Amino acid sequence: MVEQNAEIVFRGRRYNVERFDAPARDGQARPHEVVRHPGAAVVLPVLDAERYVFIRNRRPAVNETLLELPAGTLDPNEEPLECATRELTEETGYTAERIEPLTSFFSTPGICDEEMFAFVAFDLIAGHQSLDDGEDIQVEILTRDAALAAARTGRIRDAKSLLTLLFYESFIRER
């Protein structure tokens, strides 16, 4: 969404930053700067009833390698399911016989309009990663108990991965 009075203050390869005025509670227009993002998909790959596929992903923005679920930005005109399918294969090497939607959410609505679409993948078939240049990603298989412990203890610090894992565990997974 582009505000009518928006000024693009940064034009990036994958997203832009806009500055615009929006009315505040007191009726006065206040300046806002917003990252305009095309959206993204995240997928929880279920290897079997007790194991999930995670990745260790080098993240220059926080200068750390994070334990995450596979995810990526939507390409122009790409549907979220297509993105989830593509990212699963590129980042883990796995393909899925079945991918189902879980939920969608705004990643950081205070500064960004990125909507993330969460999926769960089943009936995985092993293959080979196809990483983009510059990506540094290793696959890590975690048991269900280890994944939940990693969420509880702060080993998983990535919000999209926490939300997707805990949403699946809380509302979808059959007990």
N, C-alpha and C. Protein backbone atom coordinates (compact mmCIF):
# COMPACT_ATOMS: atom_id res chain seq x y z
N MET A 1 0.84 -1.18 0.00
CA MET A 1 0.00 0.00 0.00
C MET A 1 0.89 1.24 0.00
N VAL A 2 0.54 2.21 -0.82
CA VAL A 2 1.29 3.46 -0.89
C VAL A 2 0.37 4.58 -0.42
N GLU A 3 0.84 5.35 0.54
CA GLU A 3 0.08 6.51 1.02
C GLU A 3 0.06 7.57 -0.08
N GLN A 4 -1.03 8.34 -0.16
CA GLN A 4 -1.16 9.35 -1.22
C GLN A 4 -0.09 10.43 -1.11
N ASN A 5 0.26 10.80 0.10
CA ASN A 5 1.25 11.87 0.27
C ASN A 5 2.64 11.32 0.57
N ALA A 6 2.90 10.07 0.16
CA ALA A 6 4.16 9.43 0.50
C ALA A 6 5.31 9.89 -0.39
N GLU A 7 6.46 9.98 0.24
CA GLU A 7 7.70 10.26 -0.47
C GLU A 7 8.59 9.04 -0.29
N ILE A 8 9.11 8.50 -1.36
CA ILE A 8 10.04 7.38 -1.26
C ILE A 8 11.40 7.95 -0.89
N VAL A 9 11.88 7.59 0.31
CA VAL A 9 13.17 8.12 0.78
C VAL A 9 14.31 7.12 0.57
N PHE A 10 13.95 5.88 0.29
CA PHE A 10 14.94 4.87 -0.04
C PHE A 10 14.29 3.85 -0.96
N ARG A 11 14.95 3.55 -2.06
CA ARG A 11 14.46 2.53 -2.99
C ARG A 11 15.49 1.40 -3.01
N GLY A 12 15.08 0.26 -2.49
CA GLY A 12 15.98 -0.88 -2.40
C GLY A 12 15.68 -1.94 -3.44
N ARG A 13 16.49 -2.96 -3.42
CA ARG A 13 16.34 -4.07 -4.36
C ARG A 13 15.06 -4.84 -4.09
N ARG A 14 14.70 -5.03 -2.80
CA ARG A 14 13.54 -5.84 -2.43
C ARG A 14 12.45 -5.04 -1.72
N TYR A 15 12.77 -3.87 -1.22
CA TYR A 15 11.77 -3.07 -0.49
C TYR A 15 12.13 -1.59 -0.59
N ASN A 16 11.14 -0.75 -0.26
CA ASN A 16 11.33 0.70 -0.23
C ASN A 16 11.02 1.22 1.17
N VAL A 17 11.49 2.43 1.44
CA VAL A 17 11.11 3.13 2.66
C VAL A 17 10.38 4.40 2.23
N GLU A 18 9.18 4.59 2.81
CA GLU A 18 8.37 5.77 2.50
C GLU A 18 8.25 6.64 3.74
N ARG A 19 8.14 7.96 3.50
CA ARG A 19 7.85 8.92 4.56
C ARG A 19 6.53 9.60 4.19
N PHE A 20 5.63 9.68 5.17
CA PHE A 20 4.34 10.33 4.94
C PHE A 20 3.81 10.83 6.27
N ASP A 21 2.81 11.69 6.19
CA ASP A 21 2.14 12.19 7.38
C ASP A 21 0.84 11.42 7.58
N ALA A 22 0.58 11.05 8.83
CA ALA A 22 -0.66 10.35 9.18
C ALA A 22 -1.25 11.03 10.41
N PRO A 23 -2.59 11.11 10.47
CA PRO A 23 -3.21 11.77 11.62
C PRO A 23 -2.98 10.99 12.91
N ALA A 24 -2.69 11.73 13.95
CA ALA A 24 -2.52 11.14 15.28
C ALA A 24 -3.82 11.31 16.07
N ARG A 25 -3.85 10.82 17.27
CA ARG A 25 -5.02 10.88 18.14
C ARG A 25 -5.50 12.32 18.35
N ASP A 26 -4.54 13.24 18.41
CA ASP A 26 -4.90 14.65 18.63
C ASP A 26 -5.35 15.37 17.36
N GLY A 27 -5.42 14.63 16.24
CA GLY A 27 -5.85 15.21 14.98
C GLY A 27 -4.74 15.84 14.16
N GLN A 28 -3.57 15.97 14.74
CA GLN A 28 -2.43 16.56 14.05
C GLN A 28 -1.76 15.50 13.17
N ALA A 29 -1.27 15.93 12.04
CA ALA A 29 -0.51 15.03 11.17
C ALA A 29 0.89 14.83 11.74
N ARG A 30 1.30 13.61 11.83
CA ARG A 30 2.63 13.27 12.35
C ARG A 30 3.40 12.48 11.28
N PRO A 31 4.70 12.74 11.17
CA PRO A 31 5.48 12.02 10.16
C PRO A 31 5.69 10.55 10.55
N HIS A 32 5.64 9.69 9.55
CA HIS A 32 5.90 8.25 9.71
C HIS A 32 6.85 7.82 8.61
N GLU A 33 7.71 6.89 8.95
CA GLU A 33 8.56 6.25 7.96
C GLU A 33 8.26 4.77 8.03
N VAL A 34 7.97 4.17 6.87
CA VAL A 34 7.51 2.79 6.82
C VAL A 34 8.28 2.03 5.75
N VAL A 35 8.71 0.83 6.09
CA VAL A 35 9.31 -0.07 5.11
C VAL A 35 8.16 -0.74 4.36
N ARG A 36 8.14 -0.60 3.04
CA ARG A 36 7.14 -1.25 2.19
C ARG A 36 7.77 -2.53 1.64
N HIS A 37 7.18 -3.64 2.04
CA HIS A 37 7.75 -4.96 1.77
C HIS A 37 6.75 -5.80 0.97
N PRO A 38 7.19 -6.61 0.02
CA PRO A 38 6.26 -7.38 -0.81
C PRO A 38 5.62 -8.58 -0.11
N GLY A 39 6.05 -8.88 1.10
CA GLY A 39 5.52 -10.04 1.82
C GLY A 39 6.50 -11.19 1.78
N ALA A 40 6.23 -12.21 2.60
CA ALA A 40 7.14 -13.34 2.71
C ALA A 40 6.38 -14.59 3.13
N ALA A 41 7.05 -15.71 3.01
CA ALA A 41 6.48 -16.99 3.44
C ALA A 41 7.50 -17.70 4.33
N VAL A 42 6.99 -18.43 5.32
CA VAL A 42 7.80 -19.24 6.22
C VAL A 42 7.15 -20.61 6.28
N VAL A 43 7.96 -21.66 6.39
CA VAL A 43 7.41 -23.01 6.37
C VAL A 43 8.05 -23.88 7.46
N LEU A 44 7.20 -24.62 8.17
CA LEU A 44 7.65 -25.60 9.16
C LEU A 44 7.68 -26.96 8.47
N PRO A 45 8.86 -27.48 8.15
CA PRO A 45 8.96 -28.80 7.51
C PRO A 45 8.91 -29.90 8.58
N VAL A 46 7.89 -30.74 8.49
CA VAL A 46 7.69 -31.85 9.42
C VAL A 46 8.28 -33.10 8.77
N LEU A 47 9.41 -33.56 9.30
CA LEU A 47 10.08 -34.73 8.74
C LEU A 47 9.32 -36.00 9.08
N ASP A 48 8.89 -36.09 10.33
CA ASP A 48 8.03 -37.18 10.79
C ASP A 48 7.37 -36.71 12.07
N ALA A 49 6.66 -37.58 12.77
CA ALA A 49 5.89 -37.17 13.95
C ALA A 49 6.73 -36.52 15.04
N GLU A 50 8.03 -36.79 15.05
CA GLU A 50 8.87 -36.28 16.13
C GLU A 50 10.06 -35.44 15.69
N ARG A 51 10.14 -35.10 14.39
CA ARG A 51 11.30 -34.32 13.92
C ARG A 51 10.90 -33.22 12.95
N TYR A 52 11.55 -32.07 13.13
CA TYR A 52 11.34 -30.91 12.27
C TYR A 52 12.66 -30.53 11.61
N VAL A 53 12.56 -29.91 10.45
CA VAL A 53 13.73 -29.42 9.73
C VAL A 53 13.87 -27.92 9.98
N PHE A 54 14.98 -27.54 10.56
CA PHE A 54 15.33 -26.13 10.76
C PHE A 54 16.57 -25.82 9.94
N ILE A 55 16.94 -24.55 9.92
CA ILE A 55 18.18 -24.13 9.28
C ILE A 55 18.94 -23.22 10.23
N ARG A 56 20.25 -23.18 10.03
CA ARG A 56 21.10 -22.18 10.67
C ARG A 56 21.45 -21.20 9.57
N ASN A 57 21.02 -19.96 9.76
CA ASN A 57 21.10 -18.95 8.71
C ASN A 57 21.91 -17.75 9.19
N ARG A 58 22.97 -17.44 8.48
CA ARG A 58 23.82 -16.28 8.81
C ARG A 58 23.05 -15.01 8.49
N ARG A 59 22.83 -14.15 9.50
CA ARG A 59 22.06 -12.91 9.37
C ARG A 59 22.94 -11.70 9.64
N PRO A 60 23.46 -11.06 8.59
CA PRO A 60 24.32 -9.89 8.78
C PRO A 60 23.67 -8.75 9.56
N ALA A 61 22.35 -8.58 9.46
CA ALA A 61 21.68 -7.47 10.15
C ALA A 61 21.87 -7.53 11.67
N VAL A 62 21.96 -8.75 12.22
CA VAL A 62 22.15 -8.91 13.66
C VAL A 62 23.51 -9.52 13.98
N ASN A 63 24.32 -9.75 12.96
CA ASN A 63 25.66 -10.30 13.10
C ASN A 63 25.66 -11.61 13.87
N GLU A 64 24.71 -12.48 13.53
CA GLU A 64 24.61 -13.79 14.18
C GLU A 64 24.14 -14.83 13.16
N THR A 65 24.38 -16.07 13.50
CA THR A 65 23.78 -17.19 12.79
C THR A 65 22.60 -17.65 13.63
N LEU A 66 21.41 -17.58 13.07
CA LEU A 66 20.19 -17.87 13.81
C LEU A 66 19.61 -19.23 13.44
N LEU A 67 18.99 -19.86 14.42
CA LEU A 67 18.24 -21.08 14.20
C LEU A 67 16.84 -20.67 13.75
N GLU A 68 16.48 -21.04 12.53
CA GLU A 68 15.25 -20.55 11.91
C GLU A 68 14.54 -21.66 11.15
N LEU A 69 13.34 -21.34 10.71
CA LEU A 69 12.63 -22.14 9.72
C LEU A 69 12.92 -21.54 8.36
N PRO A 70 12.85 -22.34 7.29
CA PRO A 70 13.07 -21.80 5.96
C PRO A 70 12.01 -20.74 5.63
N ALA A 71 12.44 -19.67 4.98
CA ALA A 71 11.54 -18.57 4.66
C ALA A 71 12.17 -17.71 3.58
N GLY A 72 11.34 -16.86 2.98
CA GLY A 72 11.87 -15.94 2.00
C GLY A 72 10.83 -14.93 1.55
N THR A 73 11.33 -13.93 0.86
CA THR A 73 10.51 -12.84 0.33
C THR A 73 9.80 -13.29 -0.94
N LEU A 74 8.56 -12.88 -1.08
CA LEU A 74 7.81 -13.18 -2.30
C LEU A 74 8.42 -12.44 -3.48
N ASP A 75 8.57 -13.15 -4.58
CA ASP A 75 8.98 -12.52 -5.83
C ASP A 75 7.77 -11.79 -6.41
N PRO A 76 7.97 -10.85 -7.35
CA PRO A 76 6.82 -10.15 -7.95
C PRO A 76 5.80 -11.13 -8.52
N ASN A 77 4.55 -10.93 -8.19
CA ASN A 77 3.41 -11.75 -8.65
C ASN A 77 3.46 -13.20 -8.17
N GLU A 78 4.28 -13.50 -7.19
CA GLU A 78 4.38 -14.86 -6.66
C GLU A 78 3.37 -15.04 -5.53
N GLU A 79 2.69 -16.17 -5.54
CA GLU A 79 1.77 -16.51 -4.46
C GLU A 79 2.56 -17.01 -3.26
N PRO A 80 2.06 -16.79 -2.04
CA PRO A 80 2.77 -17.26 -0.85
C PRO A 80 3.09 -18.76 -0.86
N LEU A 81 2.18 -19.60 -1.33
CA LEU A 81 2.44 -21.04 -1.38
C LEU A 81 3.61 -21.35 -2.31
N GLU A 82 3.67 -20.66 -3.43
CA GLU A 82 4.80 -20.86 -4.35
C GLU A 82 6.11 -20.48 -3.68
N CYS A 83 6.09 -19.37 -2.95
CA CYS A 83 7.29 -18.91 -2.25
C CYS A 83 7.72 -19.93 -1.19
N ALA A 84 6.76 -20.41 -0.40
CA ALA A 84 7.08 -21.40 0.64
C ALA A 84 7.69 -22.65 0.02
N THR A 85 7.11 -23.11 -1.07
CA THR A 85 7.60 -24.31 -1.76
C THR A 85 9.01 -24.09 -2.27
N ARG A 86 9.24 -22.94 -2.88
CA ARG A 86 10.56 -22.60 -3.43
C ARG A 86 11.61 -22.51 -2.34
N GLU A 87 11.28 -21.78 -1.27
CA GLU A 87 12.25 -21.58 -0.19
C GLU A 87 12.57 -22.88 0.54
N LEU A 88 11.57 -23.74 0.73
CA LEU A 88 11.81 -25.04 1.36
C LEU A 88 12.89 -25.80 0.59
N THR A 89 12.74 -25.86 -0.72
CA THR A 89 13.70 -26.61 -1.53
C THR A 89 15.05 -25.92 -1.59
N GLU A 90 15.05 -24.60 -1.84
CA GLU A 90 16.32 -23.89 -1.95
C GLU A 90 17.14 -23.98 -0.67
N GLU A 91 16.48 -23.76 0.48
CA GLU A 91 17.23 -23.64 1.73
C GLU A 91 17.50 -24.98 2.42
N THR A 92 16.65 -25.98 2.21
CA THR A 92 16.84 -27.27 2.90
C THR A 92 17.15 -28.43 1.96
N GLY A 93 16.79 -28.30 0.70
CA GLY A 93 16.93 -29.40 -0.24
C GLY A 93 15.72 -30.31 -0.26
N TYR A 94 14.82 -30.17 0.69
CA TYR A 94 13.63 -31.01 0.74
C TYR A 94 12.53 -30.46 -0.17
N THR A 95 11.75 -31.39 -0.73
CA THR A 95 10.49 -31.05 -1.37
C THR A 95 9.40 -31.70 -0.54
N ALA A 96 8.19 -31.18 -0.67
CA ALA A 96 7.07 -31.68 0.13
C ALA A 96 5.95 -32.17 -0.77
N GLU A 97 5.39 -33.29 -0.40
CA GLU A 97 4.22 -33.80 -1.11
C GLU A 97 2.98 -32.98 -0.76
N ARG A 98 3.01 -32.35 0.43
CA ARG A 98 1.83 -31.61 0.90
C ARG A 98 2.29 -30.41 1.72
N ILE A 99 1.78 -29.24 1.38
CA ILE A 99 2.03 -28.02 2.15
C ILE A 99 0.68 -27.37 2.44
N GLU A 100 0.47 -27.06 3.72
CA GLU A 100 -0.81 -26.49 4.15
C GLU A 100 -0.59 -25.14 4.81
N PRO A 101 -1.53 -24.21 4.58
CA PRO A 101 -1.41 -22.90 5.26
C PRO A 101 -1.72 -23.02 6.74
N LEU A 102 -1.01 -22.23 7.55
CA LEU A 102 -1.25 -22.17 8.99
C LEU A 102 -1.93 -20.87 9.38
N THR A 103 -1.28 -19.75 9.07
CA THR A 103 -1.79 -18.43 9.45
C THR A 103 -1.00 -17.39 8.69
N SER A 104 -1.37 -16.14 8.86
CA SER A 104 -0.55 -15.03 8.36
C SER A 104 -0.47 -13.99 9.46
N PHE A 105 0.56 -13.15 9.40
CA PHE A 105 0.78 -12.16 10.44
C PHE A 105 1.67 -11.05 9.91
N PHE A 106 1.63 -9.90 10.57
CA PHE A 106 2.53 -8.80 10.24
C PHE A 106 3.78 -8.95 11.10
N SER A 107 4.94 -8.94 10.46
CA SER A 107 6.18 -9.20 11.18
C SER A 107 6.56 -8.09 12.15
N THR A 108 6.51 -6.86 11.73
CA THR A 108 6.87 -5.71 12.58
C THR A 108 6.02 -4.51 12.18
N PRO A 109 4.72 -4.51 12.54
CA PRO A 109 3.80 -3.48 12.03
C PRO A 109 4.09 -2.07 12.52
N GLY A 110 4.97 -1.90 13.47
CA GLY A 110 5.34 -0.56 13.90
C GLY A 110 6.19 0.17 12.88
N ILE A 111 6.91 -0.59 12.04
CA ILE A 111 7.80 0.05 11.07
C ILE A 111 7.69 -0.51 9.66
N CYS A 112 6.93 -1.60 9.48
CA CYS A 112 6.96 -2.33 8.22
C CYS A 112 5.59 -2.92 7.91
N ASP A 113 5.23 -2.98 6.62
CA ASP A 113 3.95 -3.58 6.24
C ASP A 113 4.10 -5.03 5.77
N GLU A 114 5.25 -5.66 6.05
CA GLU A 114 5.47 -7.04 5.63
C GLU A 114 4.44 -7.98 6.25
N GLU A 115 3.70 -8.69 5.38
CA GLU A 115 2.81 -9.75 5.84
C GLU A 115 3.49 -11.07 5.55
N MET A 116 3.58 -11.89 6.58
CA MET A 116 4.20 -13.21 6.43
C MET A 116 3.11 -14.26 6.42
N PHE A 117 3.28 -15.24 5.55
CA PHE A 117 2.34 -16.34 5.40
C PHE A 117 3.03 -17.61 5.88
N ALA A 118 2.46 -18.25 6.90
CA ALA A 118 3.08 -19.43 7.51
C ALA A 118 2.42 -20.70 6.98
N PHE A 119 3.26 -21.69 6.72
CA PHE A 119 2.83 -22.97 6.18
C PHE A 119 3.47 -24.11 6.97
N VAL A 120 2.90 -25.29 6.84
CA VAL A 120 3.50 -26.51 7.37
C VAL A 120 3.62 -27.49 6.21
N ALA A 121 4.76 -28.18 6.12
CA ALA A 121 5.04 -29.10 5.02
C ALA A 121 5.16 -30.52 5.55
N PHE A 122 4.55 -31.46 4.82
CA PHE A 122 4.55 -32.87 5.21
C PHE A 122 5.05 -33.74 4.05
N ASP A 123 5.35 -35.00 4.38
CA ASP A 123 5.77 -35.98 3.38
C ASP A 123 6.96 -35.46 2.59
N LEU A 124 8.02 -35.19 3.33
CA LEU A 124 9.22 -34.58 2.74
C LEU A 124 10.07 -35.60 2.00
N ILE A 125 10.67 -35.14 0.93
CA ILE A 125 11.59 -35.94 0.12
C ILE A 125 12.93 -35.21 0.09
N ALA A 126 13.98 -35.89 0.52
CA ALA A 126 15.31 -35.27 0.59
C ALA A 126 15.86 -34.99 -0.80
N GLY A 127 16.58 -33.88 -0.91
CA GLY A 127 17.23 -33.50 -2.15
C GLY A 127 18.45 -32.66 -1.82
N HIS A 128 18.74 -31.71 -2.68
CA HIS A 128 19.93 -30.87 -2.51
C HIS A 128 19.53 -29.40 -2.42
N GLN A 129 20.22 -28.69 -1.53
CA GLN A 129 20.02 -27.25 -1.41
C GLN A 129 20.38 -26.56 -2.71
N SER A 130 19.76 -25.41 -2.93
CA SER A 130 20.07 -24.57 -4.08
C SER A 130 20.12 -23.13 -3.58
N LEU A 131 21.19 -22.81 -2.85
CA LEU A 131 21.29 -21.52 -2.17
C LEU A 131 21.60 -20.39 -3.14
N ASP A 132 21.06 -19.21 -2.82
CA ASP A 132 21.40 -18.00 -3.56
C ASP A 132 22.84 -17.62 -3.22
N ASP A 133 23.48 -16.89 -4.14
CA ASP A 133 24.82 -16.38 -3.85
C ASP A 133 24.75 -15.56 -2.57
N GLY A 134 25.71 -15.74 -1.71
CA GLY A 134 25.75 -14.98 -0.47
C GLY A 134 25.02 -15.63 0.69
N GLU A 135 24.21 -16.66 0.44
CA GLU A 135 23.53 -17.33 1.55
C GLU A 135 24.48 -18.33 2.22
N ASP A 136 24.41 -18.39 3.52
CA ASP A 136 25.22 -19.30 4.32
C ASP A 136 24.24 -20.04 5.24
N ILE A 137 23.73 -21.17 4.76
CA ILE A 137 22.65 -21.89 5.45
C ILE A 137 23.03 -23.36 5.61
N GLN A 138 22.89 -23.85 6.84
CA GLN A 138 23.07 -25.27 7.11
C GLN A 138 21.76 -25.84 7.64
N VAL A 139 21.43 -27.04 7.21
CA VAL A 139 20.22 -27.73 7.66
C VAL A 139 20.47 -28.35 9.02
N GLU A 140 19.50 -28.26 9.89
CA GLU A 140 19.59 -28.87 11.22
C GLU A 140 18.25 -29.54 11.55
N ILE A 141 18.30 -30.83 11.79
CA ILE A 141 17.10 -31.59 12.17
C ILE A 141 16.98 -31.53 13.69
N LEU A 142 15.80 -31.14 14.18
CA LEU A 142 15.54 -31.10 15.61
C LEU A 142 14.37 -32.00 15.94
N THR A 143 14.48 -32.70 17.04
CA THR A 143 13.30 -33.41 17.52
C THR A 143 12.27 -32.38 17.96
N ARG A 144 11.05 -32.81 18.07
CA ARG A 144 9.99 -31.92 18.54
C ARG A 144 10.36 -31.36 19.91
N ASP A 145 10.80 -32.23 20.82
CA ASP A 145 11.16 -31.77 22.17
C ASP A 145 12.32 -30.78 22.12
N ALA A 146 13.31 -31.02 21.27
CA ALA A 146 14.45 -30.11 21.16
C ALA A 146 14.02 -28.76 20.57
N ALA A 147 13.11 -28.78 19.61
CA ALA A 147 12.62 -27.54 19.01
C ALA A 147 11.86 -26.71 20.04
N LEU A 148 11.01 -27.36 20.81
CA LEU A 148 10.26 -26.65 21.84
C LEU A 148 11.19 -26.13 22.94
N ALA A 149 12.19 -26.92 23.29
CA ALA A 149 13.18 -26.46 24.28
C ALA A 149 13.95 -25.26 23.73
N ALA A 150 14.30 -25.29 22.45
CA ALA A 150 15.02 -24.17 21.83
C ALA A 150 14.17 -22.91 21.84
N ALA A 151 12.86 -23.06 21.64
CA ALA A 151 11.95 -21.91 21.72
C ALA A 151 11.88 -21.38 23.15
N ARG A 152 11.76 -22.29 24.08
CA ARG A 152 11.61 -21.91 25.50
C ARG A 152 12.87 -21.25 26.06
N THR A 153 14.04 -21.73 25.67
CA THR A 153 15.29 -21.25 26.26
C THR A 153 15.92 -20.09 25.49
N GLY A 154 15.33 -19.68 24.38
CA GLY A 154 15.87 -18.57 23.62
C GLY A 154 16.89 -18.95 22.57
N ARG A 155 17.06 -20.22 22.30
CA ARG A 155 17.95 -20.62 21.19
C ARG A 155 17.33 -20.24 19.85
N ILE A 156 16.01 -20.28 19.77
CA ILE A 156 15.31 -19.74 18.59
C ILE A 156 14.94 -18.32 18.95
N ARG A 157 15.53 -17.36 18.26
CA ARG A 157 15.31 -15.94 18.55
C ARG A 157 14.60 -15.24 17.40
N ASP A 158 14.33 -15.97 16.36
CA ASP A 158 13.70 -15.43 15.16
C ASP A 158 12.18 -15.50 15.31
N ALA A 159 11.52 -14.34 15.25
CA ALA A 159 10.08 -14.25 15.54
C ALA A 159 9.23 -15.11 14.62
N LYS A 160 9.53 -15.11 13.32
CA LYS A 160 8.70 -15.88 12.39
C LYS A 160 8.79 -17.38 12.68
N SER A 161 9.96 -17.82 13.11
CA SER A 161 10.13 -19.24 13.42
C SER A 161 9.43 -19.59 14.73
N LEU A 162 9.57 -18.73 15.73
CA LEU A 162 8.86 -18.95 17.00
C LEU A 162 7.36 -19.00 16.78
N LEU A 163 6.83 -18.01 16.09
CA LEU A 163 5.39 -17.95 15.88
C LEU A 163 4.89 -19.16 15.12
N THR A 164 5.56 -19.53 14.05
CA THR A 164 5.11 -20.65 13.22
C THR A 164 5.16 -21.96 14.00
N LEU A 165 6.27 -22.22 14.67
CA LEU A 165 6.40 -23.45 15.46
C LEU A 165 5.34 -23.50 16.55
N LEU A 166 5.20 -22.43 17.32
CA LEU A 166 4.27 -22.44 18.45
C LEU A 166 2.81 -22.42 18.00
N PHE A 167 2.52 -21.79 16.88
CA PHE A 167 1.15 -21.83 16.33
C PHE A 167 0.81 -23.27 15.96
N TYR A 168 1.72 -23.93 15.25
CA TYR A 168 1.48 -25.32 14.85
C TYR A 168 1.31 -26.21 16.09
N GLU A 169 2.21 -26.08 17.03
CA GLU A 169 2.15 -26.91 18.24
C GLU A 169 0.90 -26.63 19.08
N SER A 170 0.46 -25.39 19.13
CA SER A 170 -0.67 -25.01 19.98
C SER A 170 -2.03 -25.30 19.35
N PHE A 171 -2.14 -25.13 18.03
CA PHE A 171 -3.46 -25.16 17.42
C PHE A 171 -3.68 -26.25 16.38
N ILE A 172 -2.62 -26.81 15.82
CA ILE A 172 -2.78 -27.70 14.68
C ILE A 172 -2.35 -29.15 14.97
N ARG A 173 -1.18 -29.30 15.56
CA ARG A 173 -0.62 -30.64 15.74
C ARG A 173 -1.57 -31.52 16.52
N GLU A 174 -1.79 -32.71 16.00
CA GLU A 174 -2.62 -33.67 16.70
C GLU A 174 -1.85 -34.23 17.87
N ARG A 175 -2.47 -34.31 18.99
CA ARG A 175 -1.81 -34.76 20.21
C ARG A 175 -1.90 -36.26 20.36
